[in-house]
N, C-alpha and C. Protein backbone atom coordinates (compact mmCIF):
# COMPACT_ATOMS: atom_id res chain seq x y z
N UNK A 1 12.19 -2.63 19.41
CA UNK A 1 11.46 -3.54 18.57
C UNK A 1 11.41 -2.98 17.16
N UNK A 2 11.73 -3.78 16.20
CA UNK A 2 11.71 -3.38 14.80
C UNK A 2 10.31 -3.56 14.21
N UNK A 3 9.87 -2.58 13.45
CA UNK A 3 8.58 -2.67 12.76
C UNK A 3 8.75 -3.00 11.28
N UNK A 4 9.94 -3.42 10.91
CA UNK A 4 10.22 -3.77 9.53
C UNK A 4 9.32 -4.92 9.08
N UNK A 5 8.66 -4.73 7.96
CA UNK A 5 7.74 -5.71 7.36
C UNK A 5 6.56 -6.07 8.25
N UNK A 6 6.17 -5.15 9.13
CA UNK A 6 4.99 -5.37 9.99
C UNK A 6 3.79 -4.67 9.36
N UNK A 7 2.62 -5.24 9.54
CA UNK A 7 1.38 -4.65 9.08
C UNK A 7 0.64 -4.14 10.32
N UNK A 8 0.19 -2.89 10.26
CA UNK A 8 -0.37 -2.23 11.43
C UNK A 8 -1.82 -1.83 11.18
N UNK A 9 -2.67 -2.05 12.19
CA UNK A 9 -4.05 -1.55 12.22
C UNK A 9 -4.12 -0.59 13.40
N UNK A 10 -4.57 0.64 13.15
CA UNK A 10 -4.62 1.66 14.18
C UNK A 10 -6.08 1.99 14.49
N UNK A 11 -6.44 1.90 15.76
CA UNK A 11 -7.77 2.31 16.21
C UNK A 11 -7.57 3.32 17.33
N UNK A 12 -7.79 4.59 17.00
CA UNK A 12 -7.63 5.65 17.98
C UNK A 12 -8.94 5.92 18.70
N UNK A 13 -8.87 6.77 19.72
CA UNK A 13 -10.03 7.12 20.52
C UNK A 13 -10.26 8.62 20.42
N UNK A 14 -11.51 9.02 20.24
CA UNK A 14 -11.84 10.43 20.07
C UNK A 14 -11.43 11.25 21.29
N UNK A 15 -11.63 10.73 22.49
CA UNK A 15 -11.29 11.45 23.71
C UNK A 15 -9.87 11.18 24.19
N UNK A 16 -9.16 10.31 23.50
CA UNK A 16 -7.78 9.97 23.86
C UNK A 16 -6.83 10.39 22.76
N UNK A 17 -6.18 9.43 22.19
CA UNK A 17 -5.23 9.69 21.10
C UNK A 17 -5.89 9.29 19.78
N UNK A 18 -6.12 10.24 18.86
CA UNK A 18 -6.77 9.92 17.60
C UNK A 18 -5.86 9.12 16.67
N UNK A 19 -6.48 8.35 15.79
CA UNK A 19 -5.75 7.51 14.84
C UNK A 19 -4.70 8.25 14.02
N UNK A 20 -5.04 9.42 13.44
CA UNK A 20 -4.03 10.14 12.64
C UNK A 20 -2.77 10.52 13.44
N UNK A 21 -2.92 10.78 14.74
CA UNK A 21 -1.74 11.11 15.57
C UNK A 21 -0.84 9.90 15.72
N UNK A 22 -1.43 8.73 15.92
CA UNK A 22 -0.64 7.50 16.02
C UNK A 22 0.02 7.20 14.69
N UNK A 23 -0.73 7.40 13.61
CA UNK A 23 -0.19 7.17 12.26
C UNK A 23 1.00 8.08 11.98
N UNK A 24 0.92 9.33 12.42
CA UNK A 24 2.02 10.29 12.24
C UNK A 24 3.28 9.82 12.97
N UNK A 25 3.11 9.23 14.14
CA UNK A 25 4.25 8.73 14.91
C UNK A 25 4.93 7.54 14.23
N UNK A 26 4.19 6.80 13.43
CA UNK A 26 4.74 5.61 12.77
C UNK A 26 5.31 5.90 11.38
N UNK A 27 5.24 7.14 10.92
CA UNK A 27 5.71 7.47 9.56
C UNK A 27 7.19 7.18 9.34
N UNK A 28 8.02 7.31 10.36
CA UNK A 28 9.45 7.09 10.21
C UNK A 28 9.84 5.61 10.22
N UNK A 29 8.90 4.75 10.51
CA UNK A 29 9.20 3.32 10.59
C UNK A 29 8.95 2.68 9.23
N UNK A 30 9.25 1.42 9.12
CA UNK A 30 9.06 0.71 7.87
C UNK A 30 7.81 -0.15 7.92
N UNK A 31 6.89 0.19 8.83
CA UNK A 31 5.65 -0.56 8.97
C UNK A 31 4.66 -0.16 7.88
N UNK A 32 3.81 -1.09 7.49
CA UNK A 32 2.77 -0.82 6.51
C UNK A 32 1.45 -0.63 7.27
N UNK A 33 0.87 0.56 7.16
CA UNK A 33 -0.38 0.85 7.86
C UNK A 33 -1.53 0.42 6.96
N UNK A 34 -2.26 -0.61 7.40
CA UNK A 34 -3.35 -1.15 6.61
C UNK A 34 -4.65 -0.38 6.83
N UNK A 35 -4.87 0.10 8.05
CA UNK A 35 -6.13 0.76 8.39
C UNK A 35 -5.87 1.71 9.55
N UNK A 36 -6.47 2.90 9.46
CA UNK A 36 -6.36 3.87 10.55
C UNK A 36 -7.70 4.54 10.72
N UNK A 37 -8.19 4.59 11.96
CA UNK A 37 -9.49 5.17 12.23
C UNK A 37 -9.52 5.73 13.64
N UNK A 38 -10.42 6.69 13.84
CA UNK A 38 -10.67 7.22 15.17
C UNK A 38 -12.12 6.89 15.52
N UNK A 39 -12.33 6.24 16.62
CA UNK A 39 -13.66 5.80 17.03
C UNK A 39 -14.07 6.50 18.31
N UNK A 40 -15.37 6.51 18.57
CA UNK A 40 -15.92 7.06 19.80
C UNK A 40 -16.46 5.89 20.62
N UNK A 41 -15.81 5.59 21.73
CA UNK A 41 -16.22 4.48 22.58
C UNK A 41 -17.07 5.04 23.74
N UNK A 42 -18.36 4.84 23.65
CA UNK A 42 -19.27 5.36 24.68
C UNK A 42 -19.89 4.20 25.41
């Protein structure tokens, strides 16, 4: 799947995969990251 010209919102989990880790994985793509955050879902 191509991420060219896609806008991405990242919501990571504190006890799972944090937002910055997901953002790092998407750096090589051509996607535009609009928002990235790590939340605590209790």
